[in-house]
Amino acid sequence: MTTRQLAGPEAEQVAVAPRPAKARGDGLVAALFLAPYLVLFTAFVLAPIVLGLWISLHNWDFTLPGKPFVGFDNYVDLFTPGSTSSGPFWNAMQATGLFTVLSVPLLIVVPLAVAMVMNEKFRGRNVFRTIYFAPYVLGVAVVGVMWRFLLDRNIGAVNSYLDALGLPGDTAWLTSIPAAWVALVGVTVWWTLGFNAVIYIAGLQDIPAELYDAARVDGAGRWGSFRHVTLPGLKPVTMFVTLITIIASANMFGQSFIMTNGAPGRETQTAIFWIAETGLQNFQMGQAAAASWILTLALIVLSLVVYAGFRARGAMDES
């Protein structure tokens, strides 16, 4: 141990402990633990991002040897009205926006309602939690194929049950508008609400019970407690759920590809569907990569707007 002499009328000796060897090695240990993740993150996230940007600047047809550099021509083509790719791409973006607008509110409100019920104490609560979460563990291929048969106009169980109840039982759920959107949104909500509900349940359990007791003392009923205690307490969770749901909805592909195949016409062909078809079926990887970057930038802007909206609302509530 070393000492340091302080100047002044009341000089005292202050012990300065040398840094232990163990502490000096903490950085190396942390780096070793992070190394596998950083390697995977670089290989499967950073490298594809850079490669995708590089591909978007080329006329990249992987079936041909030459891949000439074209700069921003792929982007310009997507923004040029009347070009062969502009119309289909923006129609797909419009379909993506419509699906996002229809599905996100339901995937915020319905899971919250389910979470509030599942958070109550009653017999069989864990069984019901499992039932609501179970569809989420299924793959999109399983969900898509199953609901494609259930919603079939001629042999599907849904139309059969509707007909038995005296309701119209000949709806073309997968080949007509707006029925196709109802089917896609409904199946997506059924499939994924369990995940959001679990997040909400965790958020509800973090709200102190004392806040509800204080609200009851102040005369607040169920609605007052929900409005002034539950919603403010769930604000960080709600923001997280909103952001991940927007991103997931904007990247919807499997349901549309398997259930409707973009029908009727290309009305339900989403942006990811168009990108996959352009790049993997038509071999225009440069154009597909450019479209991917446009979608990514749109999602970044939308996420920032949503985040700013939650922050602004929080500032207003605090004031």
C-alpha atoms as a PDB file:
ATOM      1  CA  MET A   1       0.000   0.000   0.000  1.00  0.00           C
ATOM      2  CA  THR A   2       1.327   3.435  -0.883  1.00  0.00           C
ATOM      3  CA  THR A   3       0.671   6.787   0.785  1.00  0.00           C
ATOM      4  CA  ARG A   4       0.327  10.312  -0.532  1.00  0.00           C
ATOM      5  CA  GLN A   5       1.311  13.412   1.552  1.00  0.00           C
ATOM      6  CA  LEU A   6      -1.260  16.210   1.404  1.00  0.00           C
ATOM      7  CA  ALA A   7      -0.191  19.828   1.847  1.00  0.00           C
ATOM      8  CA  GLY A   8      -1.938  22.145   4.257  1.00  0.00           C
ATOM      9  CA  PRO A   9      -2.201  22.887   7.911  1.00  0.00           C
ATOM     10  CA  GLU A  10      -4.081  19.675   8.559  1.00  0.00           C
ATOM     11  CA  ALA A  11      -1.977  17.382   6.434  1.00  0.00           C
ATOM     12  CA  GLU A  12      -2.926  13.763   6.592  1.00  0.00           C
ATOM     13  CA  GLN A  13      -1.793  10.606   4.988  1.00  0.00           C
ATOM     14  CA  VAL A  14      -4.272   9.099   2.555  1.00  0.00           C
ATOM     15  CA  ALA A  15      -3.854   5.475   1.712  1.00  0.00           C
ATOM     16  CA  VAL A  16      -4.005   4.717  -1.976  1.00  0.00           C
ATOM     17  CA  ALA A  17      -4.599   1.058  -2.683  1.00  0.00           C
ATOM     18  CA  PRO A  18      -3.065  -0.315  -5.855  1.00  0.00           C
ATOM     19  CA  ARG A  19      -5.466  -1.810  -8.358  1.00  0.00           C
ATOM     20  CA  PRO A  20      -5.728  -5.560  -7.736  1.00  0.00           C
ATOM     21  CA  ALA A  21      -4.527  -7.883 -10.440  1.00  0.00           C
ATOM     22  CA  LYS A  22      -8.003  -9.451 -10.499  1.00  0.00           C
ATOM     23  CA  ALA A  23      -9.614  -6.121 -11.385  1.00  0.00           C
ATOM     24  CA  ARG A  24      -7.102  -5.564 -14.183  1.00  0.00           C
ATOM     25  CA  GLY A  25      -8.092  -8.899 -15.677  1.00  0.00           C
ATOM     26  CA  ASP A  26     -11.833  -8.184 -15.592  1.00  0.00           C
ATOM     27  CA  GLY A  27     -11.704  -6.437 -18.949  1.00  0.00           C
ATOM     28  CA  LEU A  28     -10.047  -9.426 -20.580  1.00  0.00           C
ATOM     29  CA  VAL A  29     -12.568 -11.830 -19.057  1.00  0.00           C
ATOM     30  CA  ALA A  30     -15.461  -9.670 -20.239  1.00  0.00           C
ATOM     31  CA  ALA A  31     -13.978  -9.520 -23.734  1.00  0.00           C
ATOM     32  CA  LEU A  32     -13.618 -13.307 -23.817  1.00  0.00           C
ATOM     33  CA  PHE A  33     -17.259 -13.773 -22.812  1.00  0.00           C
ATOM     34  CA  LEU A  34     -18.433 -11.218 -25.395  1.00  0.00           C
ATOM     35  CA  ALA A  35     -16.257 -12.561 -28.204  1.00  0.00           C
ATOM     36  CA  PRO A  36     -18.604 -15.389 -29.346  1.00  0.00           C
ATOM     37  CA  TYR A  37     -21.555 -12.996 -29.513  1.00  0.00           C
ATOM     38  CA  LEU A  38     -19.524 -10.330 -31.297  1.00  0.00           C
ATOM     39  CA  VAL A  39     -18.327 -12.865 -33.851  1.00  0.00           C
ATOM     40  CA  LEU A  40     -21.878 -14.054 -34.541  1.00  0.00           C
ATOM     41  CA  PHE A  41     -23.205 -10.481 -34.565  1.00  0.00           C
ATOM     42  CA  THR A  42     -20.563  -9.452 -37.074  1.00  0.00           C
ATOM     43  CA  ALA A  43     -21.068 -12.513 -39.271  1.00  0.00           C
ATOM     44  CA  PHE A  44     -24.858 -12.572 -39.304  1.00  0.00           C
ATOM     45  CA  VAL A  45     -25.861  -8.916 -38.758  1.00  0.00           C
ATOM     46  CA  LEU A  46     -23.151  -6.403 -39.635  1.00  0.00           C
ATOM     47  CA  ALA A  47     -21.736  -8.284 -42.624  1.00  0.00           C
ATOM     48  CA  PRO A  48     -25.179  -8.837 -44.260  1.00  0.00           C
ATOM     49  CA  ILE A  49     -26.029  -5.172 -43.742  1.00  0.00           C
ATOM     50  CA  VAL A  50     -22.856  -4.035 -45.498  1.00  0.00           C
ATOM     51  CA  LEU A  51     -23.207  -6.695 -48.205  1.00  0.00           C
ATOM     52  CA  GLY A  52     -26.840  -5.727 -48.796  1.00  0.00           C
ATOM     53  CA  LEU A  53     -25.862  -2.098 -49.259  1.00  0.00           C
ATOM     54  CA  TRP A  54     -23.077  -3.135 -51.647  1.00  0.00           C
ATOM     55  CA  ILE A  55     -25.433  -5.348 -53.658  1.00  0.00           C
ATOM     56  CA  SER A  56     -27.998  -2.534 -53.914  1.00  0.00           C
ATOM     57  CA  LEU A  57     -25.406  -0.469 -55.807  1.00  0.00           C
ATOM     58  CA  HIS A  58     -24.969  -3.142 -58.488  1.00  0.00           C
ATOM     59  CA  ASN A  59     -26.987  -4.808 -61.189  1.00  0.00           C
ATOM     60  CA  TRP A  60     -26.679  -8.034 -59.241  1.00  0.00           C
ATOM     61  CA  ASP A  61     -28.043 -11.067 -61.064  1.00  0.00           C
ATOM     62  CA  PHE A  62     -26.453 -14.056 -59.315  1.00  0.00           C
ATOM     63  CA  THR A  63     -27.119 -16.275 -62.336  1.00  0.00           C
ATOM     64  CA  LEU A  64     -24.735 -14.173 -64.472  1.00  0.00           C
ATOM     65  CA  PRO A  65     -20.987 -13.698 -64.023  1.00  0.00           C
ATOM     66  CA  GLY A  66     -20.985  -9.922 -64.500  1.00  0.00           C
ATOM     67  CA  LYS A  67     -22.383  -7.665 -61.769  1.00  0.00           C
ATOM     68  CA  PRO A  68     -21.776  -4.104 -63.001  1.00  0.00           C
ATOM     69  CA  PHE A  69     -21.748  -1.177 -60.602  1.00  0.00           C
ATOM     70  CA  VAL A  70     -24.766   1.080 -61.243  1.00  0.00           C
ATOM     71  CA  GLY A  71     -24.611   3.430 -58.255  1.00  0.00           C
ATOM     72  CA  PHE A  72     -28.028   4.561 -57.100  1.00  0.00           C
ATOM     73  CA  ASP A  73     -29.842   3.493 -60.266  1.00  0.00           C
ATOM     74  CA  ASN A  74     -31.771   0.781 -58.422  1.00  0.00           C
ATOM     75  CA  TYR A  75     -33.060   3.344 -55.938  1.00  0.00           C
ATOM     76  CA  VAL A  76     -33.896   5.844 -58.664  1.00  0.00           C
ATOM     77  CA  ASP A  77     -35.783   3.156 -60.553  1.00  0.00           C
ATOM     78  CA  LEU A  78     -37.930   2.387 -57.522  1.00  0.00           C
ATOM     79  CA  PHE A  79     -38.814   6.078 -57.152  1.00  0.00           C
ATOM     80  CA  THR A  80     -39.447   6.689 -60.875  1.00  0.00           C
ATOM     81  CA  PRO A  81     -43.164   6.536 -61.743  1.00  0.00           C
ATOM     82  CA  GLY A  82     -43.870   4.299 -64.706  1.00  0.00           C
ATOM     83  CA  SER A  83     -40.802   2.102 -64.276  1.00  0.00           C
ATOM     84  CA  THR A  84     -41.252  -1.655 -64.297  1.00  0.00           C
ATOM     85  CA  SER A  85     -40.500  -1.958 -60.588  1.00  0.00           C
ATOM     86  CA  SER A  86     -41.829   1.271 -59.089  1.00  0.00           C
ATOM     87  CA  GLY A  87     -45.541   0.494 -59.314  1.00  0.00           C
ATOM     88  CA  PRO A  88     -45.397  -3.076 -57.938  1.00  0.00           C
ATOM     89  CA  PHE A  89     -43.011  -2.083 -55.163  1.00  0.00           C
ATOM     90  CA  TRP A  90     -45.095   0.824 -53.880  1.00  0.00           C
ATOM     91  CA  ASN A  91     -48.264  -1.243 -54.141  1.00  0.00           C
ATOM     92  CA  ALA A  92     -46.516  -3.779 -51.923  1.00  0.00           C
ATOM     93  CA  MET A  93     -45.466  -0.997 -49.536  1.00  0.00           C
ATOM     94  CA  GLN A  94     -49.078   0.185 -49.447  1.00  0.00           C
ATOM     95  CA  ALA A  95     -50.236  -3.352 -48.614  1.00  0.00           C
ATOM     96  CA  THR A  96     -47.617  -3.496 -45.851  1.00  0.00           C
ATOM     97  CA  GLY A  97     -48.803  -0.176 -44.448  1.00  0.00           C
ATOM     98  CA  LEU A  98     -52.434  -1.316 -44.509  1.00  0.00           C
ATOM     99  CA  PHE A  99     -51.616  -4.561 -42.726  1.00  0.00           C
ATOM    100  CA  THR A 100     -49.576  -2.658 -40.121  1.00  0.00           C
ATOM    101  CA  VAL A 101     -52.364  -0.134 -39.482  1.00  0.00           C
ATOM    102  CA  LEU A 102     -54.943  -2.908 -39.097  1.00  0.00           C
ATOM    103  CA  SER A 103     -52.900  -5.323 -36.989  1.00  0.00           C
ATOM    104  CA  VAL A 104     -50.842  -3.168 -34.621  1.00  0.00           C
ATOM    105  CA  PRO A 105     -53.748  -1.636 -32.630  1.00  0.00           C
ATOM    106  CA  LEU A 106     -55.281  -5.091 -32.156  1.00  0.00           C
ATOM    107  CA  LEU A 107     -51.923  -6.565 -31.103  1.00  0.00           C
ATOM    108  CA  ILE A 108     -51.629  -3.854 -28.452  1.00  0.00           C
ATOM    109  CA  VAL A 109     -55.177  -3.771 -27.067  1.00  0.00           C
ATOM    110  CA  VAL A 110     -56.150  -7.465 -27.220  1.00  0.00           C
ATOM    111  CA  PRO A 111     -52.981  -8.783 -25.512  1.00  0.00           C
ATOM    112  CA  LEU A 112     -53.351  -6.094 -22.833  1.00  0.00           C
ATOM    113  CA  ALA A 113     -56.924  -7.211 -22.124  1.00  0.00           C
ATOM    114  CA  VAL A 114     -55.837 -10.857 -22.038  1.00  0.00           C
ATOM    115  CA  ALA A 115     -52.905 -10.012 -19.752  1.00  0.00           C
ATOM    116  CA  MET A 116     -55.130  -8.173 -17.288  1.00  0.00           C
ATOM    117  CA  VAL A 117     -57.463 -11.171 -17.083  1.00  0.00           C
ATOM    118  CA  MET A 118     -54.583 -13.647 -16.803  1.00  0.00           C
ATOM    119  CA  ASN A 119     -53.006 -11.516 -14.077  1.00  0.00           C
ATOM    120  CA  GLU A 120     -55.985 -12.081 -11.788  1.00  0.00           C
ATOM    121  CA  LYS A 121     -55.960 -14.966  -9.323  1.00  0.00           C
ATOM    122  CA  PHE A 122     -58.344 -17.777 -10.234  1.00  0.00           C
ATOM    123  CA  ARG A 123     -58.206 -21.532 -10.577  1.00  0.00           C
ATOM    124  CA  GLY A 124     -56.695 -22.772 -13.806  1.00  0.00           C
ATOM    125  CA  ARG A 125     -54.924 -19.472 -14.513  1.00  0.00           C
ATOM    126  CA  ASN A 126     -51.719 -21.163 -15.664  1.00  0.00           C
ATOM    127  CA  VAL A 127     -53.692 -23.428 -17.995  1.00  0.00           C
ATOM    128  CA  PHE A 128     -55.312 -20.448 -19.668  1.00  0.00           C
ATOM    129  CA  ARG A 129     -51.946 -18.693 -19.938  1.00  0.00           C
ATOM    130  CA  THR A 130     -50.565 -21.738 -21.716  1.00  0.00           C
ATOM    131  CA  ILE A 131     -53.554 -21.879 -24.070  1.00  0.00           C
ATOM    132  CA  TYR A 132     -53.125 -18.249 -25.106  1.00  0.00           C
ATOM    133  CA  PHE A 133     -49.373 -18.551 -25.565  1.00  0.00           C
ATOM    134  CA  ALA A 134     -49.382 -21.959 -27.308  1.00  0.00           C
ATOM    135  CA  PRO A 135     -50.059 -20.711 -30.878  1.00  0.00           C
ATOM    136  CA  TYR A 136     -46.939 -18.541 -30.749  1.00  0.00           C
ATOM    137  CA  VAL A 137     -44.652 -21.576 -30.573  1.00  0.00           C
ATOM    138  CA  LEU A 138     -45.953 -22.779 -33.939  1.00  0.00           C
ATOM    139  CA  GLY A 139     -43.977 -21.925 -37.057  1.00  0.00           C
ATOM    140  CA  VAL A 140     -45.456 -19.649 -39.668  1.00  0.00           C
ATOM    141  CA  ALA A 141     -45.591 -22.547 -42.143  1.00  0.00           C
ATOM    142  CA  VAL A 142     -47.756 -24.576 -39.764  1.00  0.00           C
ATOM    143  CA  VAL A 143     -50.024 -21.619 -39.028  1.00  0.00           C
ATOM    144  CA  GLY A 144     -50.341 -20.657 -42.690  1.00  0.00           C
ATOM    145  CA  VAL A 145     -51.138 -24.140 -43.992  1.00  0.00           C
ATOM    146  CA  MET A 146     -53.579 -24.867 -41.176  1.00  0.00           C
ATOM    147  CA  TRP A 147     -55.564 -21.667 -41.652  1.00  0.00           C
ATOM    148  CA  ARG A 148     -55.447 -21.988 -45.420  1.00  0.00           C
ATOM    149  CA  PHE A 149     -57.488 -25.188 -45.090  1.00  0.00           C
ATOM    150  CA  LEU A 150     -59.728 -23.827 -42.343  1.00  0.00           C
ATOM    151  CA  LEU A 151     -60.565 -20.728 -44.408  1.00  0.00           C
ATOM    152  CA  ASP A 152     -60.996 -22.504 -47.733  1.00  0.00           C
ATOM    153  CA  ARG A 153     -64.185 -21.305 -49.397  1.00  0.00           C
ATOM    154  CA  ASN A 154     -65.454 -24.782 -50.320  1.00  0.00           C
ATOM    155  CA  ILE A 155     -64.126 -27.233 -47.730  1.00  0.00           C
ATOM    156  CA  GLY A 156     -63.014 -24.948 -44.887  1.00  0.00           C
ATOM    157  CA  ALA A 157     -64.388 -25.450 -41.389  1.00  0.00           C
ATOM    158  CA  VAL A 158     -64.924 -21.717 -40.865  1.00  0.00           C
ATOM    159  CA  ASN A 159     -67.502 -21.411 -43.648  1.00  0.00           C
ATOM    160  CA  SER A 160     -69.127 -24.668 -42.534  1.00  0.00           C
ATOM    161  CA  TYR A 161     -69.615 -23.357 -38.995  1.00  0.00           C
ATOM    162  CA  LEU A 162     -70.886 -20.005 -40.264  1.00  0.00           C
ATOM    163  CA  ASP A 163     -73.392 -21.778 -42.483  1.00  0.00           C
ATOM    164  CA  ALA A 164     -74.542 -23.942 -39.552  1.00  0.00           C
ATOM    165  CA  LEU A 165     -75.154 -20.755 -37.540  1.00  0.00           C
ATOM    166  CA  GLY A 166     -77.255 -19.287 -40.329  1.00  0.00           C
ATOM    167  CA  LEU A 167     -74.581 -16.793 -41.370  1.00  0.00           C
ATOM    168  CA  PRO A 168     -73.122 -16.389 -44.879  1.00  0.00           C
ATOM    169  CA  GLY A 169     -71.010 -19.510 -45.364  1.00  0.00           C
ATOM    170  CA  ASP A 170     -69.536 -18.919 -48.802  1.00  0.00           C
ATOM    171  CA  THR A 171     -67.064 -16.124 -48.061  1.00  0.00           C
ATOM    172  CA  ALA A 172     -63.905 -16.219 -50.172  1.00  0.00           C
ATOM    173  CA  TRP A 173     -61.612 -15.551 -47.237  1.00  0.00           C
ATOM    174  CA  LEU A 174     -58.382 -15.928 -49.203  1.00  0.00           C
ATOM    175  CA  THR A 175     -59.283 -14.607 -52.653  1.00  0.00           C
ATOM    176  CA  SER A 176     -61.389 -11.483 -52.110  1.00  0.00           C
ATOM    177  CA  ILE A 177     -61.025  -8.056 -50.550  1.00  0.00           C
ATOM    178  CA  PRO A 178     -61.604  -7.138 -47.724  1.00  0.00           C
ATOM    179  CA  ALA A 179     -62.061 -10.744 -46.543  1.00  0.00           C
ATOM    180  CA  ALA A 180     -58.405 -11.569 -47.264  1.00  0.00           C
ATOM    181  CA  TRP A 181     -57.218  -8.745 -45.006  1.00  0.00           C
ATOM    182  CA  VAL A 182     -59.629  -9.849 -42.287  1.00  0.00           C
ATOM    183  CA  ALA A 183     -58.192 -13.359 -42.540  1.00  0.00           C
ATOM    184  CA  LEU A 184     -54.547 -12.254 -42.519  1.00  0.00           C
ATOM    185  CA  VAL A 185     -54.990  -9.829 -39.632  1.00  0.00           C
ATOM    186  CA  GLY A 186     -57.162 -12.233 -37.641  1.00  0.00           C
ATOM    187  CA  VAL A 187     -54.756 -15.134 -38.025  1.00  0.00           C
ATOM    188  CA  THR A 188     -51.785 -12.933 -37.113  1.00  0.00           C
ATOM    189  CA  VAL A 189     -53.511 -11.657 -33.961  1.00  0.00           C
ATOM    190  CA  TRP A 190     -54.491 -15.197 -32.946  1.00  0.00           C
ATOM    191  CA  TRP A 191     -50.952 -16.427 -33.580  1.00  0.00           C
ATOM    192  CA  THR A 192     -48.889 -13.707 -31.885  1.00  0.00           C
ATOM    193  CA  LEU A 193     -51.054 -12.161 -29.155  1.00  0.00           C
ATOM    194  CA  GLY A 194     -49.665 -14.625 -26.597  1.00  0.00           C
ATOM    195  CA  PHE A 195     -46.161 -13.172 -26.880  1.00  0.00           C
ATOM    196  CA  ASN A 196     -47.324  -9.604 -26.272  1.00  0.00           C
ATOM    197  CA  ALA A 197     -49.605 -10.796 -23.465  1.00  0.00           C
ATOM    198  CA  VAL A 198     -46.666 -12.398 -21.639  1.00  0.00           C
ATOM    199  CA  ILE A 199     -44.750  -9.113 -21.831  1.00  0.00           C
ATOM    200  CA  TYR A 200     -47.752  -7.223 -20.488  1.00  0.00           C
ATOM    201  CA  ILE A 201     -48.178  -9.709 -17.626  1.00  0.00           C
ATOM    202  CA  ALA A 202     -44.557  -9.125 -16.617  1.00  0.00           C
ATOM    203  CA  GLY A 203     -45.190  -5.380 -16.709  1.00  0.00           C
ATOM    204  CA  LEU A 204     -48.375  -5.677 -14.631  1.00  0.00           C
ATOM    205  CA  GLN A 205     -46.567  -7.663 -11.969  1.00  0.00           C
ATOM    206  CA  ASP A 206     -43.953  -4.908 -11.658  1.00  0.00           C
ATOM    207  CA  ILE A 207     -46.565  -2.284 -10.712  1.00  0.00           C
ATOM    208  CA  PRO A 208     -46.548  -1.920  -6.895  1.00  0.00           C
ATOM    209  CA  ALA A 209     -49.789  -3.015  -5.244  1.00  0.00           C
ATOM    210  CA  GLU A 210     -49.557   0.025  -2.962  1.00  0.00           C
ATOM    211  CA  LEU A 211     -50.427   2.256  -5.908  1.00  0.00           C
ATOM    212  CA  TYR A 212     -53.734   0.457  -6.400  1.00  0.00           C
ATOM    213  CA  ASP A 213     -54.435   0.685  -2.663  1.00  0.00           C
ATOM    214  CA  ALA A 214     -53.784   4.420  -2.722  1.00  0.00           C
ATOM    215  CA  ALA A 215     -56.075   4.808  -5.751  1.00  0.00           C
ATOM    216  CA  ARG A 216     -58.890   2.979  -3.948  1.00  0.00           C
ATOM    217  CA  VAL A 217     -58.406   5.178  -0.882  1.00  0.00           C
ATOM    218  CA  ASP A 218     -58.766   8.218  -3.157  1.00  0.00           C
ATOM    219  CA  GLY A 219     -62.056   6.817  -4.433  1.00  0.00           C
ATOM    220  CA  ALA A 220     -60.892   5.511  -7.803  1.00  0.00           C
ATOM    221  CA  GLY A 221     -62.867   2.642  -9.280  1.00  0.00           C
ATOM    222  CA  ARG A 222     -61.680   0.017 -11.760  1.00  0.00           C
ATOM    223  CA  TRP A 223     -61.562   2.475 -14.639  1.00  0.00           C
ATOM    224  CA  GLY A 224     -59.794   5.129 -12.552  1.00  0.00           C
ATOM    225  CA  SER A 225     -57.188   2.645 -11.340  1.00  0.00           C
ATOM    226  CA  PHE A 226     -56.641   1.416 -14.890  1.00  0.00           C
ATOM    227  CA  ARG A 227     -56.304   4.934 -16.261  1.00  0.00           C
ATOM    228  CA  HIS A 228     -54.155   6.484 -13.533  1.00  0.00           C
ATOM    229  CA  VAL A 229     -52.148   3.486 -12.300  1.00  0.00           C
ATOM    230  CA  THR A 230     -52.068   0.655 -14.848  1.00  0.00           C
ATOM    231  CA  LEU A 231     -51.547   2.648 -18.042  1.00  0.00           C
ATOM    232  CA  PRO A 232     -48.792   4.934 -16.634  1.00  0.00           C
ATOM    233  CA  GLY A 233     -47.107   1.913 -15.050  1.00  0.00           C
ATOM    234  CA  LEU A 234     -47.162   0.050 -18.366  1.00  0.00           C
ATOM    235  CA  LYS A 235     -45.876   2.952 -20.460  1.00  0.00           C
ATOM    236  CA  PRO A 236     -42.332   1.559 -21.012  1.00  0.00           C
ATOM    237  CA  VAL A 237     -43.762  -1.891 -21.735  1.00  0.00           C
ATOM    238  CA  THR A 238     -46.357  -0.464 -24.110  1.00  0.00           C
ATOM    239  CA  MET A 239     -43.702   1.463 -25.999  1.00  0.00           C
ATOM    240  CA  PHE A 240     -41.607  -1.690 -26.363  1.00  0.00           C
ATOM    241  CA  VAL A 241     -44.599  -3.769 -27.473  1.00  0.00           C
ATOM    242  CA  THR A 242     -45.637  -1.083 -29.968  1.00  0.00           C
ATOM    243  CA  LEU A 243     -42.193  -0.866 -31.543  1.00  0.00           C
ATOM    244  CA  ILE A 244     -41.613  -4.604 -31.896  1.00  0.00           C
ATOM    245  CA  THR A 245     -45.157  -5.114 -33.196  1.00  0.00           C
ATOM    246  CA  ILE A 246     -44.746  -2.420 -35.847  1.00  0.00           C
ATOM    247  CA  ILE A 247     -41.465  -3.962 -36.995  1.00  0.00           C
ATOM    248  CA  ALA A 248     -42.935  -7.475 -37.048  1.00  0.00           C
ATOM    249  CA  SER A 249     -46.059  -6.363 -38.926  1.00  0.00           C
ATOM    250  CA  ALA A 250     -44.038  -4.426 -41.490  1.00  0.00           C
ATOM    251  CA  ASN A 251     -41.987  -7.582 -42.103  1.00  0.00           C
ATOM    252  CA  MET A 252     -45.011  -9.836 -42.582  1.00  0.00           C
ATOM    253  CA  PHE A 253     -44.334 -12.400 -45.294  1.00  0.00           C
ATOM    254  CA  GLY A 254     -45.232 -15.976 -44.390  1.00  0.00           C
ATOM    255  CA  GLN A 255     -48.959 -15.467 -43.841  1.00  0.00           C
ATOM    256  CA  SER A 256     -49.409 -13.683 -47.153  1.00  0.00           C
ATOM    257  CA  PHE A 257     -47.183 -16.090 -49.068  1.00  0.00           C
ATOM    258  CA  ILE A 258     -48.790 -19.276 -47.747  1.00  0.00           C
ATOM    259  CA  MET A 259     -52.407 -18.282 -47.203  1.00  0.00           C
ATOM    260  CA  THR A 260     -53.237 -15.936 -50.092  1.00  0.00           C
ATOM    261  CA  ASN A 261     -50.095 -15.946 -52.270  1.00  0.00           C
ATOM    262  CA  GLY A 262     -50.728 -12.223 -52.726  1.00  0.00           C
ATOM    263  CA  ALA A 263     -54.287 -12.769 -54.012  1.00  0.00           C
ATOM    264  CA  PRO A 264     -56.557 -11.378 -55.199  1.00  0.00           C
ATOM    265  CA  GLY A 265     -54.176 -10.199 -57.886  1.00  0.00           C
ATOM    266  CA  ARG A 266     -51.355  -8.606 -55.880  1.00  0.00           C
ATOM    267  CA  GLU A 267     -53.552  -6.882 -53.308  1.00  0.00           C
ATOM    268  CA  THR A 268     -52.078  -8.757 -50.335  1.00  0.00           C
ATOM    269  CA  GLN A 269     -48.488  -8.942 -51.572  1.00  0.00           C
ATOM    270  CA  THR A 270     -46.436  -7.235 -48.871  1.00  0.00           C
ATOM    271  CA  ALA A 271     -43.087  -5.491 -49.305  1.00  0.00           C
ATOM    272  CA  ILE A 272     -41.085  -8.455 -48.004  1.00  0.00           C
ATOM    273  CA  PHE A 273     -43.059 -10.722 -50.329  1.00  0.00           C
ATOM    274  CA  TRP A 274     -42.180  -8.478 -53.297  1.00  0.00           C
ATOM    275  CA  ILE A 275     -38.523  -8.285 -52.246  1.00  0.00           C
ATOM    276  CA  ALA A 276     -38.250 -12.071 -51.935  1.00  0.00           C
ATOM    277  CA  GLU A 277     -39.935 -12.595 -55.306  1.00  0.00           C
ATOM    278  CA  THR A 278     -37.781  -9.988 -57.034  1.00  0.00           C
ATOM    279  CA  GLY A 279     -34.514 -11.224 -55.581  1.00  0.00           C
ATOM    280  CA  LEU A 280     -34.964 -14.984 -55.378  1.00  0.00           C
ATOM    281  CA  GLN A 281     -37.361 -15.664 -58.230  1.00  0.00           C
ATOM    282  CA  ASN A 282     -36.515 -12.941 -60.732  1.00  0.00           C
ATOM    283  CA  PHE A 283     -32.822 -12.893 -59.711  1.00  0.00           C
ATOM    284  CA  GLN A 284     -32.734  -9.082 -59.443  1.00  0.00           C
ATOM    285  CA  MET A 285     -30.850  -8.975 -56.175  1.00  0.00           C
ATOM    286  CA  GLY A 286     -29.666  -5.400 -56.634  1.00  0.00           C
ATOM    287  CA  GLN A 287     -33.198  -4.085 -56.897  1.00  0.00           C
ATOM    288  CA  ALA A 288     -34.376  -6.289 -54.039  1.00  0.00           C
ATOM    289  CA  ALA A 289     -31.553  -5.024 -51.813  1.00  0.00           C
ATOM    290  CA  ALA A 290     -32.402  -1.417 -52.641  1.00  0.00           C
ATOM    291  CA  ALA A 291     -36.053  -2.062 -51.758  1.00  0.00           C
ATOM    292  CA  SER A 292     -34.935  -3.643 -48.478  1.00  0.00           C
ATOM    293  CA  TRP A 293     -32.990  -0.528 -47.573  1.00  0.00           C
ATOM    294  CA  ILE A 294     -35.960   1.707 -48.371  1.00  0.00           C
ATOM    295  CA  LEU A 295     -38.167  -0.412 -46.122  1.00  0.00           C
ATOM    296  CA  THR A 296     -35.515  -0.357 -43.399  1.00  0.00           C
ATOM    297  CA  LEU A 297     -35.209   3.427 -43.489  1.00  0.00           C
ATOM    298  CA  ALA A 298     -38.994   3.782 -43.393  1.00  0.00           C
ATOM    299  CA  LEU A 299     -39.112   1.558 -40.295  1.00  0.00           C
ATOM    300  CA  ILE A 300     -36.336   3.539 -38.624  1.00  0.00           C
ATOM    301  CA  VAL A 301     -38.193   6.811 -39.193  1.00  0.00           C
ATOM    302  CA  LEU A 302     -41.480   5.323 -37.994  1.00  0.00           C
ATOM    303  CA  SER A 303     -39.830   3.878 -34.884  1.00  0.00           C
ATOM    304  CA  LEU A 304     -38.291   7.252 -34.044  1.00  0.00           C
ATOM    305  CA  VAL A 305     -41.674   8.956 -34.474  1.00  0.00           C
ATOM    306  CA  VAL A 306     -43.358   6.419 -32.169  1.00  0.00           C
ATOM    307  CA  TYR A 307     -40.561   6.747 -29.610  1.00  0.00           C
ATOM    308  CA  ALA A 308     -40.772  10.543 -29.709  1.00  0.00           C
ATOM    309  CA  GLY A 309     -44.547  10.330 -29.314  1.00  0.00           C
ATOM    310  CA  PHE A 310     -44.248   8.231 -26.165  1.00  0.00           C
ATOM    311  CA  ARG A 311     -41.580  10.552 -24.770  1.00  0.00           C
ATOM    312  CA  ALA A 312     -43.686  13.620 -25.473  1.00  0.00           C
ATOM    313  CA  ARG A 313     -46.751  12.014 -23.894  1.00  0.00           C
ATOM    314  CA  GLY A 314     -44.694  11.104 -20.839  1.00  0.00           C
ATOM    315  CA  ALA A 315     -43.427  14.679 -20.510  1.00  0.00           C
ATOM    316  CA  MET A 316     -47.009  15.987 -20.737  1.00  0.00           C
ATOM    317  CA  ASP A 317     -48.182  13.573 -18.035  1.00  0.00           C
ATOM    318  CA  GLU A 318     -45.359  14.572 -15.709  1.00  0.00           C
ATOM    319  CA  SER A 319     -46.126  18.251 -16.142  1.00  0.00           C
END
